[in-house]
Protein backbone atom coordinates (compact mmCIF):
# COMPACT_ATOMS: atom_id res chain seq x y z
CA MET A 1 29.77 30.92 -28.79
CA LYS A 2 31.76 28.09 -28.05
CA ASN A 3 31.38 28.87 -24.56
CA PHE A 4 28.28 29.27 -24.46
CA VAL A 5 27.12 25.75 -25.90
CA LEU A 6 29.77 24.76 -23.02
CA LEU A 7 27.61 26.44 -20.61
CA SER A 8 24.07 25.77 -21.67
CA LEU A 9 24.80 21.43 -21.78
CA VAL A 10 26.37 21.83 -18.05
CA LEU A 11 23.11 23.73 -16.79
CA LEU A 12 21.32 21.02 -18.72
CA SER A 13 23.14 18.35 -17.16
CA ILE A 14 22.36 19.51 -13.63
CA SER A 15 18.87 20.07 -14.08
CA ALA A 16 18.82 16.11 -15.72
CA SER A 17 20.02 15.20 -12.05
CA ALA A 18 17.77 17.40 -10.21
CA GLN A 19 15.10 15.77 -8.61
CA THR A 20 12.26 16.97 -6.30
CA ILE A 21 12.13 15.43 -3.62
CA PRO A 22 8.02 14.96 -2.26
CA SER A 23 7.84 16.93 1.43
CA ALA A 24 7.67 14.49 4.24
CA ASP A 25 4.25 15.42 4.84
CA GLU A 26 3.34 13.88 1.27
CA GLN A 27 5.38 10.86 1.85
CA LEU A 28 4.24 9.53 4.76
CA ALA A 29 0.46 10.30 3.25
CA ALA A 30 1.00 8.25 -0.17
CA SER A 31 2.62 5.36 1.56
CA VAL A 32 1.01 4.53 4.63
CA LEU A 33 -1.95 4.06 1.63
CA ALA A 34 -0.28 0.41 1.32
CA LEU A 35 -1.81 -0.42 4.09
CA PRO A 36 -5.02 -1.57 5.31
CA GLU A 37 -6.84 1.76 6.73
CA GLU A 38 -7.12 0.59 10.44
CA LEU A 39 -3.07 -0.43 10.38
CA ARG A 40 -2.44 3.17 8.90
CA ALA A 41 -2.22 5.96 11.67
CA GLY A 42 0.44 3.66 14.37
CA ALA A 43 2.95 2.87 11.29
CA GLY A 44 6.56 4.35 11.43
CA VAL A 45 7.47 6.05 7.94
CA LEU A 46 10.59 6.02 6.32
CA GLY A 47 11.37 8.29 3.51
CA TYR A 48 13.31 10.79 1.37
CA GLY A 49 15.10 14.14 2.48
CA GLU A 50 16.08 17.14 0.64
CA ASP A 51 19.86 15.46 0.13
CA GLY A 52 17.98 12.22 -1.15
CA LYS A 53 19.13 10.25 1.63
CA LEU A 54 16.99 7.91 3.27
CA LYS A 55 15.78 8.71 6.95
CA GLU A 56 12.82 8.02 10.01
CA LEU A 57 10.30 10.64 8.81
CA ARG A 58 7.61 9.02 11.42
CA LYS A 59 8.55 6.88 14.60
CA GLY A 60 5.87 3.98 15.02
CA THR A 61 3.49 2.89 17.53
CA GLY A 62 2.71 -0.26 15.83
CA ASP A 63 4.03 -3.04 14.20
CA MET A 64 4.51 -2.23 10.33
CA ILE A 65 7.53 0.49 8.70
CA CYS A 66 6.53 1.64 5.77
CA LEU A 67 8.85 3.00 2.79
CA ALA A 68 7.86 5.64 0.83
CA SER A 69 8.29 5.82 -3.10
CA ASP A 70 11.92 6.27 -4.32
CA PRO A 71 11.54 9.79 -6.14
CA LYS A 72 14.46 8.41 -8.55
CA ALA A 73 11.93 5.99 -9.70
CA ALA A 74 10.13 6.71 -13.03
CA ARG A 75 6.65 4.95 -11.38
CA PHE A 76 5.41 4.93 -7.58
CA SER A 77 6.40 2.07 -5.83
CA ALA A 78 5.68 2.46 -1.65
CA SER A 79 6.02 -1.32 0.67
CA CYS A 80 4.94 -1.75 3.90
CA TYR A 81 6.05 -4.55 6.17
CA HIS A 82 5.89 -5.97 9.15
CA LYS A 83 8.85 -4.53 11.90
CA ASP A 84 10.22 -8.05 12.47
CA LEU A 85 11.41 -7.76 8.77
CA GLU A 86 13.02 -5.24 9.12
CA PRO A 87 16.49 -6.53 9.50
CA TYR A 88 15.96 -8.35 6.43
CA MET A 89 15.10 -5.57 4.36
CA ALA A 90 17.60 -2.96 5.86
CA ARG A 91 20.26 -5.39 4.89
CA GLY A 92 18.91 -5.80 0.96
CA ARG A 93 18.67 -1.69 1.12
CA GLU A 94 22.27 -1.70 1.75
CA LEU A 95 23.45 -4.51 -1.29
CA THR A 96 21.22 -2.48 -3.54
CA ALA A 97 23.05 0.59 -3.00
CA GLN A 98 26.57 -1.15 -3.39
CA GLY A 99 25.19 -2.06 -6.66
CA ILE A 100 24.42 -6.23 -5.42
CA SER A 101 20.59 -6.96 -6.91
CA GLY A 102 19.03 -9.89 -7.93
CA ASN A 103 19.27 -13.30 -6.62
CA ALA A 104 22.71 -12.38 -6.12
CA ARG A 105 21.71 -10.32 -3.17
CA ASN A 106 19.61 -13.02 -1.84
CA GLU A 107 21.42 -16.48 -2.28
CA ASN A 108 24.77 -14.54 -1.29
CA TYR A 109 24.35 -12.32 1.22
CA ARG A 110 21.00 -12.00 2.87
CA TRP A 111 19.83 -15.67 2.91
CA LYS A 112 23.50 -16.90 3.91
CA GLU A 113 23.55 -14.55 6.48
CA ILE A 114 20.33 -15.73 7.80
CA LYS A 115 21.59 -19.40 7.67
CA GLU A 116 24.98 -17.93 9.49
CA GLY A 117 23.33 -16.18 12.15
CA LYS A 118 24.37 -12.92 10.95
CA LEU A 119 20.84 -11.88 10.14
CA LYS A 120 17.49 -12.08 11.80
CA MET A 121 15.14 -13.07 10.18
CA PRO A 122 10.99 -14.49 12.37
CA LYS A 123 11.05 -17.43 12.12
CA GLU A 124 7.00 -17.22 12.08
CA PRO A 125 5.10 -15.57 9.15
CA ARG A 126 5.18 -11.53 8.58
CA MET A 127 3.01 -9.27 6.01
CA LEU A 128 4.26 -6.88 3.31
CA TYR A 129 2.34 -4.87 1.14
CA VAL A 130 3.34 -3.42 -2.29
CA LEU A 131 1.49 -0.19 -3.57
CA SER A 132 2.50 0.68 -7.32
CA GLY A 133 1.43 2.90 -9.53
CA LYS A 134 1.77 5.62 -12.38
CA ASN A 135 1.93 7.94 -9.24
CA TYR A 136 0.99 9.74 -6.90
CA ASP A 137 -1.81 12.30 -6.74
CA ALA A 138 -1.36 14.72 -3.60
CA ALA A 139 -4.49 16.97 -4.48
CA SER A 140 -6.61 13.49 -4.33
CA GLY A 141 -4.86 11.35 -2.15
CA LYS A 142 -4.37 8.51 -4.50
CA VAL A 143 -1.91 6.57 -6.41
CA ILE A 144 -2.83 6.71 -10.40
CA GLU A 145 -3.64 3.69 -12.15
CA GLY A 146 -2.41 1.64 -8.68
CA SER A 147 -2.77 -1.67 -6.93
CA VAL A 148 -1.51 -3.58 -4.17
CA ARG A 149 0.55 -6.61 -4.40
CA TRP A 150 0.28 -8.86 -1.17
CA VAL A 151 3.39 -10.75 0.17
CA ILE A 152 3.63 -13.29 3.60
CA TYR A 153 6.89 -14.27 4.23
CA VAL A 154 7.10 -17.88 5.54
CA PRO A 155 10.54 -18.76 5.85
CA TYR A 156 11.47 -21.74 4.61
CA ALA A 157 7.95 -22.73 3.52
CA THR A 158 7.78 -25.48 0.65
CA ALA A 159 5.28 -26.59 -1.80
CA GLU A 160 4.64 -29.34 0.23
CA SER A 161 4.16 -27.96 3.97
CA THR A 162 1.69 -25.18 2.38
CA GLY A 163 -0.06 -27.13 -0.17
CA LEU A 164 0.75 -24.08 -2.52
CA SER A 165 1.90 -24.11 -6.26
CA THR A 166 5.45 -22.38 -6.88
CA LYS A 167 4.18 -20.98 -10.66
CA SER A 168 3.21 -17.58 -10.95
CA LYS A 169 -0.45 -16.69 -11.91
CA ARG A 170 -1.90 -13.12 -11.54
CA GLY A 171 -5.08 -13.51 -9.15
CA GLU A 172 -4.35 -16.82 -7.65
CA PRO A 173 -1.42 -17.13 -4.46
CA TRP A 174 1.88 -19.16 -4.70
CA LEU A 175 5.01 -19.97 -3.33
CA MET A 176 8.24 -17.81 -4.43
CA ASP A 177 11.45 -18.69 -3.12
CA ALA A 178 10.60 -22.17 -1.75
CA GLY A 179 12.78 -23.53 0.90
CA THR A 180 14.67 -20.72 1.38
CA PRO A 181 14.81 -18.12 4.59
CA GLY A 182 13.33 -15.97 1.86
CA ALA A 183 10.38 -18.15 1.02
CA HIS A 184 7.18 -15.75 0.37
CA ILE A 185 3.64 -16.42 -0.46
CA MET A 186 2.56 -13.77 -3.60
CA ILE A 187 -1.00 -12.57 -4.27
CA THR A 188 -1.26 -10.04 -7.35
CA PRO A 189 -4.16 -8.95 -8.26
CA THR A 190 -5.89 -9.63 -11.20
CA ALA A 191 -6.65 -5.76 -12.71
CA PRO A 192 -5.46 -3.05 -10.87
CA PRO A 193 -8.10 -0.63 -9.43
CA PRO A 194 -9.55 2.37 -11.87
CA ALA A 195 -7.81 5.61 -11.52
CA ALA A 196 -8.24 8.12 -9.42
CA LYS A 197 -10.75 10.63 -10.55
């Protein structure tokens, strides 16, 4: 009986840690939904292999890169950004993998490295689209309870240089991280669209 209980606990632990990785085609189809339709075909896509590690699923022919939703996450979240932001985004992923997140990830590393010339960041505005929702329904090709957040990176922009508020208000553009290398305009929809039928 003791061995049976021990074996049951081991099997339960293994099954709890197991994750289902969507197919490359499903990850590709879901991640590009964050983009306007005319940008989807040329976007490069980063997604997850069977080992759970991030890899290139499709080489891009356009200016955008999409990052598939992390299969370990409780909710769906895919993002697509201009290829000039890839060094900044890749560095963010590296730091997160090291357990460094939040303000420390930016203030102590990425922004500091940009100022020191060690990390490349475009000087002109660059776009990021984030599609979030409950989950992705492969049968309908839609994100359930999904909504898109628009982000425009404008390094070193301030409230004075843009005329934007630095206070968050749903449905209105505002400036986050003003005056820093990671300054960006956030636009969050007023309400998510209805769930897919």
